[in-house]
Amino acid sequence: GIDTSQMAAPRALAPAPNGSGFAFLTYDRATEATQLYWYDVQTAAARAVLTLNNKEGDLEALQVAPDGQQAVFVLHTGSRREGRSEELRLVDLDSGEQQVLLSGPLGPLQPVWSPDGKQIASGGEDGQVRLWPLAVVDEHRANTEATDSLWAVAVSPDGKQYATAGADRTIRLYSVETGKLEKSLTGHNGAI
């Protein structure tokens, strides 16, 4: 079992769409570290996948792949005053091996998986939405139509479109296949 005596309450609960389990984050007071755990439904057991020292940054926006094999998350480091940076990271839930997809100031927020698990969409404060085809991790398409920060990205259930929304008060619908803007929904009175 897991010693929970020094753990804060779990946060960022992220279920696998296939029902195989869920990932969650917790803070260990004894080690002052954030831990990512995977709970396997079949074995009814949880295990630590990775541990990040509090000085390394703060994990957020945890999402599990449709097949339950990987997760994506955002690691925030620094502060606005000192200089802030984010990393979009992919982690193998079995081995704990990590891969940085994107790094930089005001980087990606709110990553989401496509239903087939072959792509990740991320939107960030830089006003760009990126599609990450996971067959070739270092290639992606960036759409730059947004004029301000993006706060939400969603992929349609059939995996054919994704939508973005944010501070510029516009919802945009894109084709996953071509990456082209298909429709803009404007006229909102405030940020979305």
N, C-alpha and C. Protein backbone atom coordinates (compact mmCIF):
# COMPACT_ATOMS: atom_id res chain seq x y z
N GLY A 1 0.79 -1.18 0.00
CA GLY A 1 0.00 0.00 0.00
C GLY A 1 0.84 1.25 0.00
N ILE A 2 0.17 2.35 -0.07
CA ILE A 2 0.79 3.66 -0.10
C ILE A 2 0.64 4.30 1.27
N ASP A 3 1.75 4.85 1.80
CA ASP A 3 1.68 5.58 3.06
C ASP A 3 1.08 6.95 2.77
N THR A 4 -0.12 7.17 3.22
CA THR A 4 -0.82 8.43 2.96
C THR A 4 -0.73 9.40 4.13
N SER A 5 0.03 9.06 5.17
CA SER A 5 0.07 9.90 6.37
C SER A 5 0.64 11.29 6.11
N GLN A 6 1.53 11.44 5.13
CA GLN A 6 2.14 12.73 4.84
C GLN A 6 1.60 13.37 3.57
N MET A 7 0.57 12.77 2.97
CA MET A 7 0.04 13.27 1.70
C MET A 7 -1.07 14.28 1.88
N ALA A 8 -1.04 15.28 1.03
CA ALA A 8 -2.18 16.20 0.94
C ALA A 8 -3.28 15.48 0.16
N ALA A 9 -4.46 16.02 0.18
CA ALA A 9 -5.56 15.41 -0.57
C ALA A 9 -5.21 15.36 -2.05
N PRO A 10 -5.58 14.27 -2.74
CA PRO A 10 -5.30 14.17 -4.18
C PRO A 10 -5.98 15.31 -4.94
N ARG A 11 -5.35 15.74 -6.03
CA ARG A 11 -5.92 16.77 -6.89
C ARG A 11 -5.66 16.37 -8.34
N ALA A 12 -6.29 17.07 -9.23
CA ALA A 12 -6.12 16.84 -10.67
C ALA A 12 -6.40 15.39 -11.05
N LEU A 13 -7.51 14.88 -10.61
CA LEU A 13 -7.92 13.52 -10.95
C LEU A 13 -8.19 13.44 -12.45
N ALA A 14 -7.51 12.51 -13.15
CA ALA A 14 -7.63 12.39 -14.60
C ALA A 14 -7.90 10.94 -14.98
N PRO A 15 -9.16 10.58 -15.25
CA PRO A 15 -9.47 9.19 -15.62
C PRO A 15 -9.04 8.87 -17.05
N ALA A 16 -8.69 7.60 -17.26
CA ALA A 16 -8.41 7.13 -18.62
C ALA A 16 -9.75 6.89 -19.30
N PRO A 17 -9.94 7.41 -20.50
CA PRO A 17 -11.22 7.21 -21.19
C PRO A 17 -11.60 5.74 -21.41
N ASN A 18 -10.61 4.84 -21.45
CA ASN A 18 -10.93 3.42 -21.67
C ASN A 18 -11.31 2.70 -20.38
N GLY A 19 -11.30 3.41 -19.24
CA GLY A 19 -11.72 2.82 -17.98
C GLY A 19 -10.66 1.99 -17.28
N SER A 20 -9.41 2.01 -17.77
CA SER A 20 -8.36 1.18 -17.17
C SER A 20 -7.84 1.71 -15.84
N GLY A 21 -8.06 2.97 -15.57
CA GLY A 21 -7.59 3.56 -14.32
C GLY A 21 -7.66 5.06 -14.36
N PHE A 22 -6.94 5.68 -13.43
CA PHE A 22 -6.88 7.14 -13.41
C PHE A 22 -5.57 7.60 -12.81
N ALA A 23 -5.17 8.79 -13.20
CA ALA A 23 -3.97 9.41 -12.65
C ALA A 23 -4.42 10.52 -11.71
N PHE A 24 -3.58 10.80 -10.72
CA PHE A 24 -3.87 11.92 -9.83
C PHE A 24 -2.56 12.48 -9.29
N LEU A 25 -2.62 13.72 -8.83
CA LEU A 25 -1.48 14.40 -8.24
C LEU A 25 -1.71 14.54 -6.76
N THR A 26 -0.63 14.50 -6.00
CA THR A 26 -0.70 14.76 -4.58
C THR A 26 0.62 15.39 -4.14
N TYR A 27 0.60 16.01 -3.00
CA TYR A 27 1.79 16.65 -2.44
C TYR A 27 2.21 15.88 -1.21
N ASP A 28 3.48 15.48 -1.16
CA ASP A 28 4.02 14.76 -0.02
C ASP A 28 4.70 15.76 0.91
N ARG A 29 4.13 15.96 2.08
CA ARG A 29 4.66 16.95 3.02
C ARG A 29 6.06 16.59 3.53
N ALA A 30 6.33 15.31 3.69
CA ALA A 30 7.63 14.88 4.22
C ALA A 30 8.77 15.18 3.25
N THR A 31 8.55 14.95 1.96
CA THR A 31 9.60 15.16 0.96
C THR A 31 9.48 16.49 0.24
N GLU A 32 8.37 17.23 0.49
CA GLU A 32 8.09 18.49 -0.19
C GLU A 32 8.15 18.32 -1.71
N ALA A 33 7.47 17.29 -2.18
CA ALA A 33 7.46 16.98 -3.60
C ALA A 33 6.04 16.69 -4.08
N THR A 34 5.80 17.01 -5.34
CA THR A 34 4.54 16.64 -5.97
C THR A 34 4.73 15.29 -6.63
N GLN A 35 3.75 14.41 -6.44
CA GLN A 35 3.84 13.08 -7.02
C GLN A 35 2.66 12.82 -7.94
N LEU A 36 2.95 12.18 -9.06
CA LEU A 36 1.92 11.74 -9.98
C LEU A 36 1.75 10.24 -9.75
N TYR A 37 0.52 9.83 -9.45
CA TYR A 37 0.19 8.43 -9.21
C TYR A 37 -0.71 7.90 -10.31
N TRP A 38 -0.61 6.59 -10.56
CA TRP A 38 -1.52 5.88 -11.46
C TRP A 38 -2.24 4.83 -10.63
N TYR A 39 -3.57 4.84 -10.69
CA TYR A 39 -4.38 3.81 -10.03
C TYR A 39 -4.91 2.88 -11.11
N ASP A 40 -4.52 1.61 -11.03
CA ASP A 40 -4.94 0.59 -11.99
C ASP A 40 -6.21 -0.07 -11.48
N VAL A 41 -7.30 0.05 -12.23
CA VAL A 41 -8.59 -0.49 -11.81
C VAL A 41 -8.53 -2.01 -11.71
N GLN A 42 -7.85 -2.67 -12.63
CA GLN A 42 -7.80 -4.13 -12.64
C GLN A 42 -7.10 -4.71 -11.42
N THR A 43 -6.00 -4.10 -11.01
CA THR A 43 -5.25 -4.61 -9.84
C THR A 43 -5.68 -3.93 -8.54
N ALA A 44 -6.48 -2.88 -8.64
CA ALA A 44 -6.92 -2.10 -7.48
C ALA A 44 -5.73 -1.60 -6.67
N ALA A 45 -4.69 -1.16 -7.39
CA ALA A 45 -3.48 -0.67 -6.73
C ALA A 45 -3.02 0.64 -7.35
N ALA A 46 -2.47 1.51 -6.52
CA ALA A 46 -1.90 2.77 -6.98
C ALA A 46 -0.38 2.71 -6.84
N ARG A 47 0.31 3.36 -7.76
CA ARG A 47 1.77 3.42 -7.67
C ARG A 47 2.25 4.79 -8.17
N ALA A 48 3.35 5.23 -7.59
CA ALA A 48 3.94 6.51 -8.00
C ALA A 48 4.57 6.35 -9.38
N VAL A 49 4.25 7.26 -10.28
CA VAL A 49 4.83 7.26 -11.63
C VAL A 49 6.03 8.19 -11.67
N LEU A 50 5.89 9.38 -11.09
CA LEU A 50 7.02 10.31 -11.03
C LEU A 50 6.87 11.22 -9.83
N THR A 51 8.00 11.73 -9.39
CA THR A 51 8.07 12.65 -8.26
C THR A 51 8.86 13.87 -8.70
N LEU A 52 8.31 15.04 -8.47
CA LEU A 52 9.01 16.28 -8.79
C LEU A 52 9.18 17.11 -7.53
N ASN A 53 10.42 17.43 -7.22
CA ASN A 53 10.75 18.30 -6.10
C ASN A 53 10.00 19.61 -6.28
N ASN A 54 9.53 20.18 -5.20
CA ASN A 54 8.77 21.43 -5.25
C ASN A 54 9.53 22.53 -5.97
N LYS A 55 10.86 22.52 -5.91
CA LYS A 55 11.68 23.54 -6.57
C LYS A 55 11.68 23.39 -8.09
N GLU A 56 11.32 22.19 -8.58
CA GLU A 56 11.30 21.95 -10.03
C GLU A 56 10.10 22.60 -10.71
N GLY A 57 9.03 22.86 -9.95
CA GLY A 57 7.86 23.49 -10.53
C GLY A 57 6.57 22.88 -10.04
N ASP A 58 5.47 23.33 -10.63
CA ASP A 58 4.14 22.91 -10.25
C ASP A 58 3.45 22.21 -11.41
N LEU A 59 2.94 21.01 -11.18
CA LEU A 59 2.23 20.26 -12.22
C LEU A 59 0.77 20.68 -12.26
N GLU A 60 0.23 20.83 -13.47
CA GLU A 60 -1.18 21.16 -13.67
C GLU A 60 -1.67 20.53 -14.96
N ALA A 61 -2.96 20.65 -15.20
CA ALA A 61 -3.61 20.28 -16.46
C ALA A 61 -3.31 18.83 -16.86
N LEU A 62 -3.40 17.93 -15.92
CA LEU A 62 -3.13 16.51 -16.16
C LEU A 62 -4.25 15.89 -16.98
N GLN A 63 -3.89 15.18 -18.06
CA GLN A 63 -4.85 14.48 -18.91
C GLN A 63 -4.27 13.12 -19.30
N VAL A 64 -5.07 12.06 -19.20
CA VAL A 64 -4.63 10.71 -19.54
C VAL A 64 -5.07 10.38 -20.97
N ALA A 65 -4.20 9.68 -21.70
CA ALA A 65 -4.49 9.26 -23.07
C ALA A 65 -5.67 8.29 -23.08
N PRO A 66 -6.39 8.23 -24.20
CA PRO A 66 -7.53 7.32 -24.30
C PRO A 66 -7.22 5.87 -23.98
N ASP A 67 -6.00 5.41 -24.28
CA ASP A 67 -5.64 4.01 -24.00
C ASP A 67 -5.06 3.80 -22.60
N GLY A 68 -4.90 4.87 -21.82
CA GLY A 68 -4.40 4.76 -20.46
C GLY A 68 -2.91 4.47 -20.36
N GLN A 69 -2.17 4.62 -21.44
CA GLN A 69 -0.73 4.31 -21.44
C GLN A 69 0.15 5.53 -21.13
N GLN A 70 -0.34 6.72 -21.46
CA GLN A 70 0.44 7.93 -21.28
C GLN A 70 -0.43 9.02 -20.68
N ALA A 71 0.24 10.06 -20.18
CA ALA A 71 -0.46 11.25 -19.71
C ALA A 71 0.31 12.47 -20.20
N VAL A 72 -0.39 13.57 -20.29
CA VAL A 72 0.23 14.84 -20.65
C VAL A 72 -0.08 15.81 -19.51
N PHE A 73 0.87 16.70 -19.21
CA PHE A 73 0.66 17.69 -18.17
C PHE A 73 1.49 18.93 -18.46
N VAL A 74 1.18 20.00 -17.73
CA VAL A 74 1.93 21.24 -17.84
C VAL A 74 2.74 21.41 -16.56
N LEU A 75 4.03 21.72 -16.71
CA LEU A 75 4.89 22.02 -15.58
C LEU A 75 5.19 23.51 -15.60
N HIS A 76 4.77 24.22 -14.54
CA HIS A 76 5.02 25.66 -14.41
C HIS A 76 6.25 25.87 -13.54
N THR A 77 7.15 26.75 -13.99
CA THR A 77 8.33 27.11 -13.20
C THR A 77 8.43 28.63 -13.11
N GLY A 78 9.07 29.10 -12.07
CA GLY A 78 9.28 30.54 -11.90
C GLY A 78 7.99 31.26 -11.54
N SER A 79 8.03 32.58 -11.71
CA SER A 79 6.87 33.43 -11.44
C SER A 79 6.87 34.56 -12.46
N ARG A 80 5.77 35.28 -12.53
CA ARG A 80 5.71 36.41 -13.48
C ARG A 80 6.80 37.43 -13.18
N ARG A 81 7.07 37.65 -11.91
CA ARG A 81 8.07 38.65 -11.52
C ARG A 81 9.48 38.16 -11.83
N GLU A 82 9.77 36.90 -11.55
CA GLU A 82 11.11 36.34 -11.76
C GLU A 82 11.32 35.85 -13.18
N GLY A 83 10.26 35.69 -13.92
CA GLY A 83 10.34 35.08 -15.23
C GLY A 83 9.68 33.71 -15.17
N ARG A 84 8.60 33.57 -15.88
CA ARG A 84 7.80 32.36 -15.81
C ARG A 84 8.03 31.52 -17.07
N SER A 85 7.91 30.22 -16.89
CA SER A 85 8.06 29.32 -18.02
C SER A 85 7.17 28.11 -17.80
N GLU A 86 6.72 27.53 -18.89
CA GLU A 86 5.92 26.31 -18.82
C GLU A 86 6.52 25.27 -19.75
N GLU A 87 6.29 24.01 -19.41
CA GLU A 87 6.65 22.91 -20.28
C GLU A 87 5.44 22.01 -20.45
N LEU A 88 5.16 21.63 -21.67
CA LEU A 88 4.16 20.61 -21.95
C LEU A 88 4.93 19.31 -22.00
N ARG A 89 4.58 18.38 -21.08
CA ARG A 89 5.32 17.12 -20.98
C ARG A 89 4.41 15.92 -21.19
N LEU A 90 4.98 14.91 -21.79
CA LEU A 90 4.33 13.64 -22.01
C LEU A 90 5.02 12.63 -21.10
N VAL A 91 4.27 11.81 -20.38
CA VAL A 91 4.87 10.82 -19.49
C VAL A 91 4.27 9.45 -19.76
N ASP A 92 5.13 8.45 -19.82
CA ASP A 92 4.70 7.06 -19.95
C ASP A 92 4.26 6.60 -18.56
N LEU A 93 3.02 6.16 -18.42
CA LEU A 93 2.48 5.82 -17.09
C LEU A 93 3.03 4.51 -16.55
N ASP A 94 3.71 3.72 -17.38
CA ASP A 94 4.33 2.48 -16.91
C ASP A 94 5.76 2.74 -16.43
N SER A 95 6.56 3.38 -17.27
CA SER A 95 7.98 3.58 -16.96
C SER A 95 8.29 4.89 -16.26
N GLY A 96 7.41 5.90 -16.38
CA GLY A 96 7.69 7.22 -15.82
C GLY A 96 8.57 8.07 -16.71
N GLU A 97 8.96 7.54 -17.87
CA GLU A 97 9.80 8.29 -18.80
C GLU A 97 9.04 9.51 -19.31
N GLN A 98 9.73 10.66 -19.32
CA GLN A 98 9.10 11.91 -19.73
C GLN A 98 9.71 12.44 -21.02
N GLN A 99 8.91 13.20 -21.74
CA GLN A 99 9.35 13.86 -22.96
C GLN A 99 8.79 15.27 -22.95
N VAL A 100 9.63 16.27 -23.18
CA VAL A 100 9.17 17.66 -23.23
C VAL A 100 8.73 17.95 -24.67
N LEU A 101 7.46 18.33 -24.84
CA LEU A 101 6.94 18.65 -26.16
C LEU A 101 7.16 20.11 -26.52
N LEU A 102 7.03 21.00 -25.52
CA LEU A 102 7.19 22.43 -25.76
C LEU A 102 7.63 23.09 -24.47
N SER A 103 8.50 24.08 -24.58
CA SER A 103 9.00 24.78 -23.41
C SER A 103 9.15 26.25 -23.74
N GLY A 104 8.83 27.10 -22.76
CA GLY A 104 9.04 28.52 -22.96
C GLY A 104 8.13 29.36 -22.09
N PRO A 105 8.32 30.67 -22.10
CA PRO A 105 7.47 31.56 -21.33
C PRO A 105 6.06 31.62 -21.92
N LEU A 106 5.08 31.69 -21.01
CA LEU A 106 3.67 31.78 -21.42
C LEU A 106 3.30 30.68 -22.40
N GLY A 107 3.80 29.52 -22.15
CA GLY A 107 3.60 28.38 -23.04
C GLY A 107 2.26 27.73 -22.92
N PRO A 108 2.19 26.45 -23.23
CA PRO A 108 0.91 25.77 -23.39
C PRO A 108 0.14 25.60 -22.08
N LEU A 109 -1.16 25.71 -22.20
CA LEU A 109 -2.07 25.47 -21.10
C LEU A 109 -3.20 24.59 -21.62
N GLN A 110 -3.80 23.81 -20.77
CA GLN A 110 -4.97 23.00 -21.11
C GLN A 110 -4.78 22.06 -22.29
N PRO A 111 -3.86 21.11 -22.20
CA PRO A 111 -3.74 20.12 -23.28
C PRO A 111 -4.90 19.13 -23.24
N VAL A 112 -5.29 18.64 -24.41
CA VAL A 112 -6.32 17.61 -24.52
C VAL A 112 -5.89 16.59 -25.57
N TRP A 113 -6.34 15.35 -25.37
CA TRP A 113 -6.04 14.25 -26.30
C TRP A 113 -7.12 14.16 -27.36
N SER A 114 -6.72 13.77 -28.57
CA SER A 114 -7.71 13.41 -29.58
C SER A 114 -8.30 12.06 -29.17
N PRO A 115 -9.53 11.74 -29.58
CA PRO A 115 -10.15 10.49 -29.16
C PRO A 115 -9.36 9.23 -29.54
N ASP A 116 -8.58 9.29 -30.64
CA ASP A 116 -7.80 8.12 -31.03
C ASP A 116 -6.43 8.07 -30.34
N GLY A 117 -6.09 9.10 -29.56
CA GLY A 117 -4.83 9.13 -28.82
C GLY A 117 -3.61 9.40 -29.68
N LYS A 118 -3.80 9.80 -30.91
CA LYS A 118 -2.66 10.02 -31.81
C LYS A 118 -2.17 11.47 -31.82
N GLN A 119 -2.94 12.38 -31.21
CA GLN A 119 -2.56 13.78 -31.19
C GLN A 119 -2.94 14.41 -29.86
N ILE A 120 -2.20 15.46 -29.52
CA ILE A 120 -2.53 16.30 -28.38
C ILE A 120 -2.72 17.71 -28.92
N ALA A 121 -3.78 18.37 -28.49
CA ALA A 121 -3.98 19.78 -28.83
C ALA A 121 -3.69 20.59 -27.57
N SER A 122 -3.01 21.72 -27.75
CA SER A 122 -2.74 22.58 -26.60
C SER A 122 -2.92 24.03 -27.02
N GLY A 123 -3.47 24.82 -26.13
CA GLY A 123 -3.63 26.25 -26.36
C GLY A 123 -2.90 26.98 -25.25
N GLY A 124 -2.36 28.14 -25.57
CA GLY A 124 -1.58 28.84 -24.56
C GLY A 124 -1.79 30.33 -24.56
N GLU A 125 -1.14 30.98 -23.62
CA GLU A 125 -1.23 32.43 -23.46
C GLU A 125 -0.58 33.16 -24.62
N ASP A 126 0.17 32.44 -25.47
CA ASP A 126 0.75 33.08 -26.63
C ASP A 126 -0.26 33.21 -27.77
N GLY A 127 -1.51 32.74 -27.53
CA GLY A 127 -2.57 32.87 -28.51
C GLY A 127 -2.51 31.84 -29.62
N GLN A 128 -1.68 30.82 -29.49
CA GLN A 128 -1.56 29.80 -30.51
C GLN A 128 -2.10 28.48 -30.01
N VAL A 129 -2.71 27.72 -30.91
CA VAL A 129 -3.11 26.36 -30.60
C VAL A 129 -2.17 25.46 -31.42
N ARG A 130 -1.70 24.42 -30.77
CA ARG A 130 -0.78 23.51 -31.44
C ARG A 130 -1.35 22.10 -31.44
N LEU A 131 -1.13 21.40 -32.54
CA LEU A 131 -1.47 19.98 -32.63
C LEU A 131 -0.18 19.19 -32.63
N TRP A 132 -0.11 18.22 -31.74
CA TRP A 132 1.09 17.40 -31.60
C TRP A 132 0.80 15.99 -32.08
N PRO A 133 1.20 15.63 -33.32
CA PRO A 133 1.06 14.24 -33.73
C PRO A 133 2.11 13.41 -32.99
N LEU A 134 1.67 12.40 -32.25
CA LEU A 134 2.60 11.69 -31.38
C LEU A 134 3.46 10.66 -32.10
N ALA A 135 3.15 10.37 -33.35
CA ALA A 135 4.02 9.47 -34.11
C ALA A 135 5.37 10.15 -34.35
N VAL A 136 5.36 11.46 -34.51
CA VAL A 136 6.57 12.24 -34.70
C VAL A 136 6.48 13.41 -33.72
N VAL A 137 7.03 13.25 -32.51
CA VAL A 137 6.82 14.20 -31.44
C VAL A 137 7.35 15.60 -31.73
N ASP A 138 8.42 15.72 -32.51
CA ASP A 138 9.01 17.04 -32.67
C ASP A 138 8.38 17.86 -33.81
N GLU A 139 7.33 17.37 -34.45
CA GLU A 139 6.65 18.15 -35.48
C GLU A 139 5.26 18.51 -34.98
N HIS A 140 4.83 19.73 -35.26
CA HIS A 140 3.48 20.16 -34.89
C HIS A 140 3.06 21.31 -35.80
N ARG A 141 1.78 21.53 -35.81
CA ARG A 141 1.23 22.67 -36.54
C ARG A 141 0.80 23.70 -35.52
N ALA A 142 1.07 24.95 -35.81
CA ALA A 142 0.62 26.03 -34.92
C ALA A 142 -0.34 26.90 -35.70
N ASN A 143 -1.53 27.13 -35.13
CA ASN A 143 -2.50 28.05 -35.71
C ASN A 143 -2.41 29.35 -34.95
N THR A 144 -2.35 30.45 -35.68
CA THR A 144 -2.06 31.74 -35.06
C THR A 144 -3.17 32.78 -35.23
N GLU A 145 -4.39 32.34 -35.48
CA GLU A 145 -5.48 33.30 -35.69
C GLU A 145 -5.90 34.04 -34.43
N ALA A 146 -5.72 33.46 -33.26
CA ALA A 146 -6.13 34.12 -32.02
C ALA A 146 -5.30 35.39 -31.81
N THR A 147 -5.93 36.42 -31.28
CA THR A 147 -5.24 37.70 -31.06
C THR A 147 -4.89 37.92 -29.59
N ASP A 148 -5.20 36.93 -28.74
CA ASP A 148 -4.91 37.04 -27.32
C ASP A 148 -4.79 35.63 -26.74
N SER A 149 -4.66 35.51 -25.44
CA SER A 149 -4.47 34.22 -24.78
C SER A 149 -5.59 33.24 -25.07
N LEU A 150 -5.22 31.96 -25.23
CA LEU A 150 -6.20 30.88 -25.36
C LEU A 150 -6.32 30.19 -24.01
N TRP A 151 -7.55 29.97 -23.57
CA TRP A 151 -7.78 29.37 -22.26
C TRP A 151 -8.42 28.00 -22.33
N ALA A 152 -8.94 27.63 -23.49
CA ALA A 152 -9.61 26.33 -23.60
C ALA A 152 -9.39 25.74 -24.98
N VAL A 153 -9.17 24.43 -25.00
CA VAL A 153 -9.07 23.66 -26.24
C VAL A 153 -9.88 22.40 -26.03
N ALA A 154 -10.66 22.01 -27.03
CA ALA A 154 -11.44 20.78 -26.95
C ALA A 154 -11.40 20.10 -28.31
N VAL A 155 -11.40 18.76 -28.29
CA VAL A 155 -11.42 17.97 -29.52
C VAL A 155 -12.80 17.32 -29.61
N SER A 156 -13.39 17.32 -30.81
CA SER A 156 -14.71 16.73 -31.00
C SER A 156 -14.65 15.22 -30.77
N PRO A 157 -15.75 14.59 -30.37
CA PRO A 157 -15.75 13.14 -30.10
C PRO A 157 -15.32 12.30 -31.29
N ASP A 158 -15.57 12.76 -32.50
CA ASP A 158 -15.15 11.98 -33.67
C ASP A 158 -13.70 12.27 -34.07
N GLY A 159 -13.05 13.21 -33.38
CA GLY A 159 -11.65 13.52 -33.64
C GLY A 159 -11.39 14.31 -34.90
N LYS A 160 -12.43 14.84 -35.53
CA LYS A 160 -12.26 15.55 -36.80
C LYS A 160 -12.08 17.05 -36.66
N GLN A 161 -12.49 17.62 -35.54
CA GLN A 161 -12.36 19.05 -35.32
C GLN A 161 -11.84 19.32 -33.91
N TYR A 162 -11.25 20.49 -33.75
CA TYR A 162 -10.95 20.98 -32.41
C TYR A 162 -11.38 22.43 -32.34
N ALA A 163 -11.69 22.85 -31.13
CA ALA A 163 -12.16 24.21 -30.90
C ALA A 163 -11.24 24.90 -29.90
N THR A 164 -11.11 26.22 -30.05
CA THR A 164 -10.34 27.02 -29.10
C THR A 164 -11.19 28.19 -28.64
N ALA A 165 -10.89 28.69 -27.45
CA ALA A 165 -11.58 29.86 -26.91
C ALA A 165 -10.64 30.56 -25.94
N GLY A 166 -10.86 31.86 -25.78
CA GLY A 166 -10.01 32.59 -24.85
C GLY A 166 -10.34 34.05 -24.72
N ALA A 167 -9.30 34.83 -24.47
CA ALA A 167 -9.44 36.24 -24.12
C ALA A 167 -9.92 37.11 -25.28
N ASP A 168 -9.74 36.66 -26.52
CA ASP A 168 -10.18 37.52 -27.63
C ASP A 168 -11.67 37.37 -27.96
N ARG A 169 -12.41 36.68 -27.09
CA ARG A 169 -13.87 36.57 -27.18
C ARG A 169 -14.34 35.85 -28.45
N THR A 170 -13.55 34.91 -28.95
CA THR A 170 -13.90 34.18 -30.18
C THR A 170 -13.68 32.69 -29.97
N ILE A 171 -14.65 31.91 -30.43
CA ILE A 171 -14.50 30.45 -30.48
C ILE A 171 -14.14 30.13 -31.93
N ARG A 172 -13.08 29.34 -32.11
CA ARG A 172 -12.65 28.97 -33.45
C ARG A 172 -12.70 27.45 -33.60
N LEU A 173 -13.21 27.00 -34.75
CA LEU A 173 -13.27 25.57 -35.06
C LEU A 173 -12.28 25.28 -36.17
N TYR A 174 -11.43 24.27 -35.95
CA TYR A 174 -10.39 23.89 -36.91
C TYR A 174 -10.58 22.44 -37.34
N SER A 175 -10.08 22.13 -38.53
CA SER A 175 -10.02 20.76 -39.01
C SER A 175 -8.76 20.12 -38.46
N VAL A 176 -8.88 18.94 -37.84
CA VAL A 176 -7.70 18.23 -37.35
C VAL A 176 -6.85 17.77 -38.53
N GLU A 177 -7.49 17.30 -39.59
CA GLU A 177 -6.77 16.77 -40.75
C GLU A 177 -5.91 17.82 -41.44
N THR A 178 -6.49 19.00 -41.69
CA THR A 178 -5.77 20.03 -42.45
C THR A 178 -5.16 21.11 -41.57
N GLY A 179 -5.68 21.26 -40.35
CA GLY A 179 -5.23 22.33 -39.47
C GLY A 179 -5.82 23.69 -39.83
N LYS A 180 -6.68 23.73 -40.82
CA LYS A 180 -7.25 25.01 -41.27
C LYS A 180 -8.45 25.43 -40.44
N LEU A 181 -8.56 26.75 -40.26
CA LEU A 181 -9.70 27.34 -39.58
C LEU A 181 -10.95 27.10 -40.42
N GLU A 182 -11.99 26.51 -39.81
CA GLU A 182 -13.24 26.24 -40.52
C GLU A 182 -14.33 27.26 -40.20
N LYS A 183 -14.34 27.75 -38.95
CA LYS A 183 -15.40 28.68 -38.58
C LYS A 183 -14.96 29.47 -37.34
N SER A 184 -15.34 30.75 -37.30
CA SER A 184 -15.13 31.60 -36.13
C SER A 184 -16.49 32.02 -35.59
N LEU A 185 -16.68 31.87 -34.31
CA LEU A 185 -17.92 32.29 -33.66
C LEU A 185 -17.60 33.53 -32.83
N THR A 186 -18.09 34.68 -33.28
CA THR A 186 -17.77 35.94 -32.64
C THR A 186 -19.01 36.55 -32.01
N GLY A 187 -18.85 37.68 -31.38
CA GLY A 187 -19.97 38.41 -30.81
C GLY A 187 -20.12 38.21 -29.31
N HIS A 188 -19.22 37.50 -28.67
CA HIS A 188 -19.30 37.31 -27.24
C HIS A 188 -18.89 38.61 -26.53
N ASN A 189 -19.53 38.90 -25.41
CA ASN A 189 -19.27 40.15 -24.69
C ASN A 189 -18.03 40.10 -23.82
N GLY A 190 -17.59 38.93 -23.50
CA GLY A 190 -16.43 38.80 -22.62
C GLY A 190 -15.54 37.65 -23.06
N ALA A 191 -14.46 37.48 -22.34
CA ALA A 191 -13.55 36.38 -22.63
C ALA A 191 -14.27 35.05 -22.43
N ILE A 192 -13.83 34.05 -23.15
CA ILE A 192 -14.47 32.73 -23.09
C ILE A 192 -13.53 31.74 -22.42
